[in-house]
Amino acid sequence: MQIEKLDYSNMPKHIALVIDGNRRWAENNGLTTREGHKAGAKNLENIAKFCNNIGIKYLTAYVFSTENWKRSKTEVSALMLILKAYLDSFAKKRGI
């Protein structure tokens, strides 16, 4: 949908996303799992900016399920490092 065609009078205040499929996407694109997770994080950042630009006030992203804890320690650690990097970057940009 083009942004020009959005009905701003009927915009939700809050949306929620379930983030899934970064590993599959990476595999299908010849990338490592870590690269897939990083691409997913960047995509979520783009979605958040878009939501902000069109007036969606709240965005909830479910990014780590209880099933994720069953993955290898290496992958869980990589996911936590990606999350930490994004939170640190967010805080730095906002002087927090």
PDB file of N, CA and C in Angstrom:
ATOM      1  N   MET A   1       0.849  -1.179   0.000  1.00  0.00           N
ATOM      2  CA  MET A   1       0.000   0.000   0.000  1.00  0.00           C
ATOM      3  C   MET A   1       0.886   1.231   0.000  1.00  0.00           C
ATOM      4  N   GLN A   2       0.516   2.176  -0.793  1.00  0.00           N
ATOM      5  CA  GLN A   2       1.241   3.433  -0.834  1.00  0.00           C
ATOM      6  C   GLN A   2       0.788   4.318   0.313  1.00  0.00           C
ATOM      7  N   ILE A   3       1.744   5.023   0.897  1.00  0.00           N
ATOM      8  CA  ILE A   3       1.448   5.873   2.047  1.00  0.00           C
ATOM      9  C   ILE A   3       0.404   6.942   1.708  1.00  0.00           C
ATOM     10  N   GLU A   4       0.374   7.394   0.452  1.00  0.00           N
ATOM     11  CA  GLU A   4      -0.592   8.421   0.046  1.00  0.00           C
ATOM     12  C   GLU A   4      -2.027   7.915   0.118  1.00  0.00           C
ATOM     13  N   LYS A   5      -2.223   6.606   0.083  1.00  0.00           N
ATOM     14  CA  LYS A   5      -3.568   6.031   0.059  1.00  0.00           C
ATOM     15  C   LYS A   5      -4.066   5.612   1.446  1.00  0.00           C
ATOM     16  N   LEU A   6      -3.286   5.875   2.486  1.00  0.00           N
ATOM     17  CA  LEU A   6      -3.699   5.502   3.834  1.00  0.00           C
ATOM     18  C   LEU A   6      -4.859   6.372   4.300  1.00  0.00           C
ATOM     19  N   ASP A   7      -5.777   5.764   5.029  1.00  0.00           N
ATOM     20  CA  ASP A   7      -6.900   6.493   5.622  1.00  0.00           C
ATOM     21  C   ASP A   7      -6.493   6.884   7.039  1.00  0.00           C
ATOM     22  N   TYR A   8      -5.955   8.079   7.193  1.00  0.00           N
ATOM     23  CA  TYR A   8      -5.454   8.538   8.489  1.00  0.00           C
ATOM     24  C   TYR A   8      -6.565   8.724   9.521  1.00  0.00           C
ATOM     25  N   SER A   9      -7.810   8.821   9.072  1.00  0.00           N
ATOM     26  CA  SER A   9      -8.918   8.978  10.013  1.00  0.00           C
ATOM     27  C   SER A   9      -9.274   7.653  10.675  1.00  0.00           C
ATOM     28  N   ASN A  10      -8.734   6.566  10.165  1.00  0.00           N
ATOM     29  CA  ASN A  10      -9.062   5.239  10.684  1.00  0.00           C
ATOM     30  C   ASN A  10      -7.787   4.464  11.043  1.00  0.00           C
ATOM     31  N   MET A  11      -6.779   5.164  11.546  1.00  0.00           N
ATOM     32  CA  MET A  11      -5.493   4.565  11.866  1.00  0.00           C
ATOM     33  C   MET A  11      -5.530   3.962  13.277  1.00  0.00           C
ATOM     34  N   PRO A  12      -5.026   2.734  13.440  1.00  0.00           N
ATOM     35  CA  PRO A  12      -4.975   2.178  14.803  1.00  0.00           C
ATOM     36  C   PRO A  12      -3.967   2.940  15.650  1.00  0.00           C
ATOM     37  N   LYS A  13      -4.174   2.913  16.953  1.00  0.00           N
ATOM     38  CA  LYS A  13      -3.223   3.551  17.870  1.00  0.00           C
ATOM     39  C   LYS A  13      -2.115   2.582  18.275  1.00  0.00           C
ATOM     40  N   HIS A  14      -2.423   1.285  18.196  1.00  0.00           N
ATOM     41  CA  HIS A  14      -1.492   0.268  18.669  1.00  0.00           C
ATOM     42  C   HIS A  14      -1.559  -0.933  17.735  1.00  0.00           C
ATOM     43  N   ILE A  15      -0.387  -1.410  17.316  1.00  0.00           N
ATOM     44  CA  ILE A  15      -0.326  -2.671  16.576  1.00  0.00           C
ATOM     45  C   ILE A  15       0.731  -3.553  17.230  1.00  0.00           C
ATOM     46  N   ALA A  16       0.601  -4.843  17.017  1.00  0.00           N
ATOM     47  CA  ALA A  16       1.563  -5.804  17.552  1.00  0.00           C
ATOM     48  C   ALA A  16       2.040  -6.703  16.420  1.00  0.00           C
ATOM     49  N   LEU A  17       3.305  -7.076  16.493  1.00  0.00           N
ATOM     50  CA  LEU A  17       3.918  -7.940  15.495  1.00  0.00           C
ATOM     51  C   LEU A  17       4.538  -9.147  16.177  1.00  0.00           C
ATOM     52  N   VAL A  18       4.473 -10.285  15.517  1.00  0.00           N
ATOM     53  CA  VAL A  18       5.211 -11.467  15.939  1.00  0.00           C
ATOM     54  C   VAL A  18       6.316 -11.652  14.912  1.00  0.00           C
ATOM     55  N   ILE A  19       7.541 -11.484  15.349  1.00  0.00           N
ATOM     56  CA  ILE A  19       8.685 -11.582  14.448  1.00  0.00           C
ATOM     57  C   ILE A  19       9.084 -13.050  14.343  1.00  0.00           C
ATOM     58  N   ASP A  20       9.096 -13.562  13.123  1.00  0.00           N
ATOM     59  CA  ASP A  20       9.395 -14.977  12.920  1.00  0.00           C
ATOM     60  C   ASP A  20       9.996 -15.159  11.534  1.00  0.00           C
ATOM     61  N   GLY A  21      10.862 -16.138  11.394  1.00  0.00           N
ATOM     62  CA  GLY A  21      11.349 -16.526  10.084  1.00  0.00           C
ATOM     63  C   GLY A  21      12.689 -15.964   9.665  1.00  0.00           C
ATOM     64  N   ASN A  22      13.413 -15.324  10.565  1.00  0.00           N
ATOM     65  CA  ASN A  22      14.710 -14.762  10.182  1.00  0.00           C
ATOM     66  C   ASN A  22      15.717 -15.838   9.779  1.00  0.00           C
ATOM     67  N   ARG A  23      15.696 -16.962  10.477  1.00  0.00           N
ATOM     68  CA  ARG A  23      16.617 -18.056  10.113  1.00  0.00           C
ATOM     69  C   ARG A  23      16.268 -18.622   8.748  1.00  0.00           C
ATOM     70  N   ARG A  24      14.971 -18.850   8.506  1.00  0.00           N
ATOM     71  CA  ARG A  24      14.545 -19.379   7.204  1.00  0.00           C
ATOM     72  C   ARG A  24      14.900 -18.410   6.088  1.00  0.00           C
ATOM     73  N   TRP A  25      14.653 -17.113   6.323  1.00  0.00           N
ATOM     74  CA  TRP A  25      14.976 -16.104   5.321  1.00  0.00           C
ATOM     75  C   TRP A  25      16.473 -16.129   5.014  1.00  0.00           C
ATOM     76  N   ALA A  26      17.298 -16.194   6.063  1.00  0.00           N
ATOM     77  CA  ALA A  26      18.752 -16.217   5.871  1.00  0.00           C
ATOM     78  C   ALA A  26      19.169 -17.440   5.059  1.00  0.00           C
ATOM     79  N   GLU A  27      18.640 -18.581   5.432  1.00  0.00           N
ATOM     80  CA  GLU A  27      18.977 -19.821   4.722  1.00  0.00           C
ATOM     81  C   GLU A  27      18.580 -19.729   3.249  1.00  0.00           C
ATOM     82  N   ASN A  28      17.399 -19.206   2.978  1.00  0.00           N
ATOM     83  CA  ASN A  28      16.921 -19.075   1.600  1.00  0.00           C
ATOM     84  C   ASN A  28      17.730 -18.061   0.792  1.00  0.00           C
ATOM     85  N   ASN A  29      18.443 -17.180   1.483  1.00  0.00           N
ATOM     86  CA  ASN A  29      19.224 -16.143   0.817  1.00  0.00           C
ATOM     87  C   ASN A  29      20.729 -16.360   0.943  1.00  0.00           C
ATOM     88  N   GLY A  30      21.115 -17.565   1.354  1.00  0.00           N
ATOM     89  CA  GLY A  30      22.533 -17.916   1.429  1.00  0.00           C
ATOM     90  C   GLY A  30      23.308 -17.170   2.490  1.00  0.00           C
ATOM     91  N   LEU A  31      22.623 -16.770   3.565  1.00  0.00           N
ATOM     92  CA  LEU A  31      23.264 -16.021   4.645  1.00  0.00           C
ATOM     93  C   LEU A  31      23.337 -16.861   5.909  1.00  0.00           C
ATOM     94  N   THR A  32      24.137 -16.415   6.860  1.00  0.00           N
ATOM     95  CA  THR A  32      24.212 -17.094   8.153  1.00  0.00           C
ATOM     96  C   THR A  32      22.975 -16.749   8.985  1.00  0.00           C
ATOM     97  N   THR A  33      22.732 -17.546   9.986  1.00  0.00           N
ATOM     98  CA  THR A  33      21.624 -17.284  10.901  1.00  0.00           C
ATOM     99  C   THR A  33      21.775 -15.915  11.535  1.00  0.00           C
ATOM    100  N   ARG A  34      22.989 -15.594  11.978  1.00  0.00           N
ATOM    101  CA  ARG A  34      23.237 -14.285  12.603  1.00  0.00           C
ATOM    102  C   ARG A  34      22.902 -13.146  11.643  1.00  0.00           C
ATOM    103  N   GLU A  35      23.288 -13.288  10.370  1.00  0.00           N
ATOM    104  CA  GLU A  35      22.973 -12.253   9.380  1.00  0.00           C
ATOM    105  C   GLU A  35      21.461 -12.123   9.188  1.00  0.00           C
ATOM    106  N   GLY A  36      20.766 -13.246   9.256  1.00  0.00           N
ATOM    107  CA  GLY A  36      19.305 -13.212   9.152  1.00  0.00           C
ATOM    108  C   GLY A  36      18.674 -12.475  10.315  1.00  0.00           C
ATOM    109  N   HIS A  37      19.187 -12.717  11.509  1.00  0.00           N
ATOM    110  CA  HIS A  37      18.661 -12.022  12.688  1.00  0.00           C
ATOM    111  C   HIS A  37      18.969 -10.525  12.627  1.00  0.00           C
ATOM    112  N   LYS A  38      20.158 -10.172  12.162  1.00  0.00           N
ATOM    113  CA  LYS A  38      20.511  -8.760  12.037  1.00  0.00           C
ATOM    114  C   LYS A  38      19.617  -8.074  10.998  1.00  0.00           C
ATOM    115  N   ALA A  39      19.353  -8.764   9.896  1.00  0.00           N
ATOM    116  CA  ALA A  39      18.468  -8.195   8.871  1.00  0.00           C
ATOM    117  C   ALA A  39      17.059  -8.029   9.425  1.00  0.00           C
ATOM    118  N   GLY A  40      16.610  -8.997  10.215  1.00  0.00           N
ATOM    119  CA  GLY A  40      15.285  -8.895  10.839  1.00  0.00           C
ATOM    120  C   GLY A  40      15.209  -7.724  11.799  1.00  0.00           C
ATOM    121  N   ALA A  41      16.269  -7.497  12.553  1.00  0.00           N
ATOM    122  CA  ALA A  41      16.304  -6.363  13.487  1.00  0.00           C
ATOM    123  C   ALA A  41      16.249  -5.039  12.726  1.00  0.00           C
ATOM    124  N   LYS A  42      16.981  -4.964  11.628  1.00  0.00           N
ATOM    125  CA  LYS A  42      16.961  -3.742  10.811  1.00  0.00           C
ATOM    126  C   LYS A  42      15.569  -3.537  10.208  1.00  0.00           C
ATOM    127  N   ASN A  43      14.943  -4.614   9.763  1.00  0.00           N
ATOM    128  CA  ASN A  43      13.598  -4.517   9.211  1.00  0.00           C
ATOM    129  C   ASN A  43      12.612  -4.034  10.275  1.00  0.00           C
ATOM    130  N   LEU A  44      12.733  -4.527  11.496  1.00  0.00           N
ATOM    131  CA  LEU A  44      11.867  -4.067  12.581  1.00  0.00           C
ATOM    132  C   LEU A  44      12.089  -2.584  12.842  1.00  0.00           C
ATOM    133  N   GLU A  45      13.328  -2.134  12.783  1.00  0.00           N
ATOM    134  CA  GLU A  45      13.617  -0.713  12.958  1.00  0.00           C
ATOM    135  C   GLU A  45      12.914   0.110  11.869  1.00  0.00           C
ATOM    136  N   ASN A  46      12.964  -0.364  10.630  1.00  0.00           N
ATOM    137  CA  ASN A  46      12.284   0.327   9.531  1.00  0.00           C
ATOM    138  C   ASN A  46      10.771   0.356   9.732  1.00  0.00           C
ATOM    139  N   ILE A  47      10.210  -0.750  10.197  1.00  0.00           N
ATOM    140  CA  ILE A  47       8.770  -0.819  10.466  1.00  0.00           C
ATOM    141  C   ILE A  47       8.398   0.170  11.569  1.00  0.00           C
ATOM    142  N   ALA A  48       9.218   0.234  12.628  1.00  0.00           N
ATOM    143  CA  ALA A  48       8.941   1.159  13.737  1.00  0.00           C
ATOM    144  C   ALA A  48       8.965   2.605  13.259  1.00  0.00           C
ATOM    145  N   LYS A  49       9.939   2.947  12.432  1.00  0.00           N
ATOM    146  CA  LYS A  49      10.011   4.314  11.895  1.00  0.00           C
ATOM    147  C   LYS A  49       8.795   4.618  11.036  1.00  0.00           C
ATOM    148  N   PHE A  50       8.390   3.669  10.205  1.00  0.00           N
ATOM    149  CA  PHE A  50       7.218   3.859   9.358  1.00  0.00           C
ATOM    150  C   PHE A  50       5.969   4.077  10.210  1.00  0.00           C
ATOM    151  N   CYS A  51       5.797   3.237  11.234  1.00  0.00           N
ATOM    152  CA  CYS A  51       4.641   3.384  12.130  1.00  0.00           C
ATOM    153  C   CYS A  51       4.629   4.765  12.767  1.00  0.00           C
ATOM    154  N   ASN A  52       5.785   5.220  13.209  1.00  0.00           N
ATOM    155  CA  ASN A  52       5.880   6.548  13.798  1.00  0.00           C
ATOM    156  C   ASN A  52       5.501   7.630  12.786  1.00  0.00           C
ATOM    157  N   ASN A  53       5.968   7.482  11.561  1.00  0.00           N
ATOM    158  CA  ASN A  53       5.694   8.469  10.517  1.00  0.00           C
ATOM    159  C   ASN A  53       4.212   8.560  10.148  1.00  0.00           C
ATOM    160  N   ILE A  54       3.487   7.465  10.278  1.00  0.00           N
ATOM    161  CA  ILE A  54       2.075   7.486   9.894  1.00  0.00           C
ATOM    162  C   ILE A  54       1.149   7.652  11.092  1.00  0.00           C
ATOM    163  N   GLY A  55       1.731   7.843  12.288  1.00  0.00           N
ATOM    164  CA  GLY A  55       0.924   8.182  13.445  1.00  0.00           C
ATOM    165  C   GLY A  55       0.493   7.037  14.339  1.00  0.00           C
ATOM    166  N   ILE A  56       1.068   5.863  14.145  1.00  0.00           N
ATOM    167  CA  ILE A  56       0.769   4.762  15.067  1.00  0.00           C
ATOM    168  C   ILE A  56       1.577   5.009  16.335  1.00  0.00           C
ATOM    169  N   LYS A  57       0.862   5.136  17.443  1.00  0.00           N
ATOM    170  CA  LYS A  57       1.477   5.579  18.689  1.00  0.00           C
ATOM    171  C   LYS A  57       2.234   4.467  19.416  1.00  0.00           C
ATOM    172  N   TYR A  58       1.734   3.244  19.348  1.00  0.00           N
ATOM    173  CA  TYR A  58       2.331   2.131  20.089  1.00  0.00           C
ATOM    174  C   TYR A  58       2.581   0.951  19.152  1.00  0.00           C
ATOM    175  N   LEU A  59       3.766   0.370  19.281  1.00  0.00           N
ATOM    176  CA  LEU A  59       4.144  -0.815  18.514  1.00  0.00           C
ATOM    177  C   LEU A  59       4.714  -1.830  19.494  1.00  0.00           C
ATOM    178  N   THR A  60       4.109  -2.988  19.538  1.00  0.00           N
ATOM    179  CA  THR A  60       4.617  -4.076  20.368  1.00  0.00           C
ATOM    180  C   THR A  60       5.197  -5.126  19.433  1.00  0.00           C
ATOM    181  N   ALA A  61       6.419  -5.536  19.692  1.00  0.00           N
ATOM    182  CA  ALA A  61       7.065  -6.545  18.862  1.00  0.00           C
ATOM    183  C   ALA A  61       7.455  -7.727  19.746  1.00  0.00           C
ATOM    184  N   TYR A  62       6.890  -8.870  19.440  1.00  0.00           N
ATOM    185  CA  TYR A  62       7.252 -10.106  20.131  1.00  0.00           C
ATOM    186  C   TYR A  62       8.413 -10.709  19.351  1.00  0.00           C
ATOM    187  N   VAL A  63       9.610 -10.626  19.905  1.00  0.00           N
ATOM    188  CA  VAL A  63      10.801 -10.993  19.155  1.00  0.00           C
ATOM    189  C   VAL A  63      11.525 -12.227  19.702  1.00  0.00           C
ATOM    190  N   PHE A  64      11.125 -12.709  20.865  1.00  0.00           N
ATOM    191  CA  PHE A  64      11.833 -13.848  21.443  1.00  0.00           C
ATOM    192  C   PHE A  64      10.834 -14.697  22.225  1.00  0.00           C
ATOM    193  N   SER A  65      10.525 -15.857  21.704  1.00  0.00           N
ATOM    194  CA  SER A  65       9.546 -16.732  22.345  1.00  0.00           C
ATOM    195  C   SER A  65      10.239 -17.711  23.295  1.00  0.00           C
ATOM    196  N   THR A  66       9.433 -18.389  24.083  1.00  0.00           N
ATOM    197  CA  THR A  66       9.988 -19.407  24.982  1.00  0.00           C
ATOM    198  C   THR A  66      10.663 -20.517  24.180  1.00  0.00           C
ATOM    199  N   GLU A  67      10.198 -20.761  22.966  1.00  0.00           N
ATOM    200  CA  GLU A  67      10.817 -21.770  22.106  1.00  0.00           C
ATOM    201  C   GLU A  67      12.252 -21.383  21.739  1.00  0.00           C
ATOM    202  N   ASN A  68      12.514 -20.086  21.637  1.00  0.00           N
ATOM    203  CA  ASN A  68      13.852 -19.627  21.273  1.00  0.00           C
ATOM    204  C   ASN A  68      14.917 -20.046  22.293  1.00  0.00           C
ATOM    205  N   TRP A  69      14.523 -20.221  23.550  1.00  0.00           N
ATOM    206  CA  TRP A  69      15.490 -20.618  24.570  1.00  0.00           C
ATOM    207  C   TRP A  69      16.023 -22.020  24.313  1.00  0.00           C
ATOM    208  N   LYS A  70      15.355 -22.806  23.475  1.00  0.00           N
ATOM    209  CA  LYS A  70      15.784 -24.172  23.174  1.00  0.00           C
ATOM    210  C   LYS A  70      16.859 -24.210  22.083  1.00  0.00           C
ATOM    211  N   ARG A  71      17.147 -23.080  21.488  1.00  0.00           N
ATOM    212  CA  ARG A  71      18.181 -23.017  20.453  1.00  0.00           C
ATOM    213  C   ARG A  71      19.563 -23.133  21.091  1.00  0.00           C
ATOM    214  N   SER A  72      20.582 -23.243  20.261  1.00  0.00           N
ATOM    215  CA  SER A  72      21.943 -23.385  20.783  1.00  0.00           C
ATOM    216  C   SER A  72      22.328 -22.147  21.592  1.00  0.00           C
ATOM    217  N   LYS A  73      23.219 -22.361  22.546  1.00  0.00           N
ATOM    218  CA  LYS A  73      23.691 -21.231  23.357  1.00  0.00           C
ATOM    219  C   LYS A  73      24.327 -20.165  22.480  1.00  0.00           C
ATOM    220  N   THR A  74      25.001 -20.583  21.431  1.00  0.00           N
ATOM    221  CA  THR A  74      25.639 -19.635  20.517  1.00  0.00           C
ATOM    222  C   THR A  74      24.600 -18.741  19.858  1.00  0.00           C
ATOM    223  N   GLU A  75      23.515 -19.342  19.371  1.00  0.00           N
ATOM    224  CA  GLU A  75      22.486 -18.549  18.700  1.00  0.00           C
ATOM    225  C   GLU A  75      21.752 -17.635  19.682  1.00  0.00           C
ATOM    226  N   VAL A  76      21.426 -18.143  20.869  1.00  0.00           N
ATOM    227  CA  VAL A  76      20.755 -17.315  21.875  1.00  0.00           C
ATOM    228  C   VAL A  76      21.652 -16.145  22.258  1.00  0.00           C
ATOM    229  N   SER A  77      22.944 -16.398  22.438  1.00  0.00           N
ATOM    230  CA  SER A  77      23.889 -15.322  22.767  1.00  0.00           C
ATOM    231  C   SER A  77      23.950 -14.287  21.657  1.00  0.00           C
ATOM    232  N   ALA A  78      23.966 -14.755  20.410  1.00  0.00           N
ATOM    233  CA  ALA A  78      23.999 -13.832  19.272  1.00  0.00           C
ATOM    234  C   ALA A  78      22.742 -12.965  19.247  1.00  0.00           C
ATOM    235  N   LEU A  79      21.596 -13.567  19.510  1.00  0.00           N
ATOM    236  CA  LEU A  79      20.344 -12.811  19.542  1.00  0.00           C
ATOM    237  C   LEU A  79      20.361 -11.754  20.642  1.00  0.00           C
ATOM    238  N   MET A  80      20.866 -12.114  21.804  1.00  0.00           N
ATOM    239  CA  MET A  80      20.923 -11.168  22.914  1.00  0.00           C
ATOM    240  C   MET A  80      21.907 -10.032  22.621  1.00  0.00           C
ATOM    241  N   LEU A  81      23.001 -10.335  21.931  1.00  0.00           N
ATOM    242  CA  LEU A  81      23.954  -9.287  21.560  1.00  0.00           C
ATOM    243  C   LEU A  81      23.342  -8.316  20.547  1.00  0.00           C
ATOM    244  N   ILE A  82      22.572  -8.842  19.599  1.00  0.00           N
ATOM    245  CA  ILE A  82      21.886  -7.979  18.638  1.00  0.00           C
ATOM    246  C   ILE A  82      20.905  -7.072  19.376  1.00  0.00           C
ATOM    247  N   LEU A  83      20.121  -7.637  20.285  1.00  0.00           N
ATOM    248  CA  LEU A  83      19.164  -6.853  21.064  1.00  0.00           C
ATOM    249  C   LEU A  83      19.883  -5.769  21.867  1.00  0.00           C
ATOM    250  N   LYS A  84      20.966  -6.144  22.529  1.00  0.00           N
ATOM    251  CA  LYS A  84      21.718  -5.173  23.324  1.00  0.00           C
ATOM    252  C   LYS A  84      22.260  -4.050  22.443  1.00  0.00           C
ATOM    253  N   ALA A  85      22.790  -4.386  21.292  1.00  0.00           N
ATOM    254  CA  ALA A  85      23.338  -3.370  20.386  1.00  0.00           C
ATOM    255  C   ALA A  85      22.253  -2.389  19.958  1.00  0.00           C
ATOM    256  N   TYR A  86      21.067  -2.892  19.640  1.00  0.00           N
ATOM    257  CA  TYR A  86      19.984  -2.002  19.233  1.00  0.00           C
ATOM    258  C   TYR A  86      19.491  -1.140  20.387  1.00  0.00           C
ATOM    259  N   LEU A  87      19.392  -1.703  21.568  1.00  0.00           N
ATOM    260  CA  LEU A  87      18.961  -0.913  22.719  1.00  0.00           C
ATOM    261  C   LEU A  87      19.997   0.149  23.073  1.00  0.00           C
ATOM    262  N   ASP A  88      21.285  -0.217  23.010  1.00  0.00           N
ATOM    263  CA  ASP A  88      22.352   0.759  23.281  1.00  0.00           C
ATOM    264  C   ASP A  88      22.323   1.890  22.257  1.00  0.00           C
ATOM    265  N   SER A  89      22.131   1.533  20.983  1.00  0.00           N
ATOM    266  CA  SER A  89      22.079   2.538  19.921  1.00  0.00           C
ATOM    267  C   SER A  89      20.886   3.463  20.105  1.00  0.00           C
ATOM    268  N   PHE A  90      19.751   2.895  20.453  1.00  0.00           N
ATOM    269  CA  PHE A  90      18.533   3.676  20.694  1.00  0.00           C
ATOM    270  C   PHE A  90      18.744   4.658  21.835  1.00  0.00           C
ATOM    271  N   ALA A  91      19.307   4.166  22.923  1.00  0.00           N
ATOM    272  CA  ALA A  91      19.548   5.011  24.098  1.00  0.00           C
ATOM    273  C   ALA A  91      20.540   6.130  23.771  1.00  0.00           C
ATOM    274  N   LYS A  92      21.589   5.807  23.022  1.00  0.00           N
ATOM    275  CA  LYS A  92      22.599   6.812  22.678  1.00  0.00           C
ATOM    276  C   LYS A  92      21.998   7.910  21.806  1.00  0.00           C
ATOM    277  N   LYS A  93      21.174   7.525  20.814  1.00  0.00           N
ATOM    278  CA  LYS A  93      20.540   8.503  19.929  1.00  0.00           C
ATOM    279  C   LYS A  93      19.625   9.446  20.683  1.00  0.00           C
ATOM    280  N   ARG A  94      19.072   8.982  21.787  1.00  0.00           N
ATOM    281  CA  ARG A  94      18.124   9.794  22.550  1.00  0.00           C
ATOM    282  C   ARG A  94      18.718  10.371  23.823  1.00  0.00           C
ATOM    283  N   GLY A  95      20.020  10.189  24.001  1.00  0.00           N
ATOM    284  CA  GLY A  95      20.708  10.758  25.164  1.00  0.00           C
ATOM    285  C   GLY A  95      20.282  10.136  26.473  1.00  0.00           C
ATOM    286  N   ILE A  96      19.948   8.875  26.430  1.00  0.00           N
ATOM    287  CA  ILE A  96      19.496   8.169  27.643  1.00  0.00           C
ATOM    288  C   ILE A  96      20.698   7.514  28.323  1.00  0.00           C
TER     289      ILE A  96
END
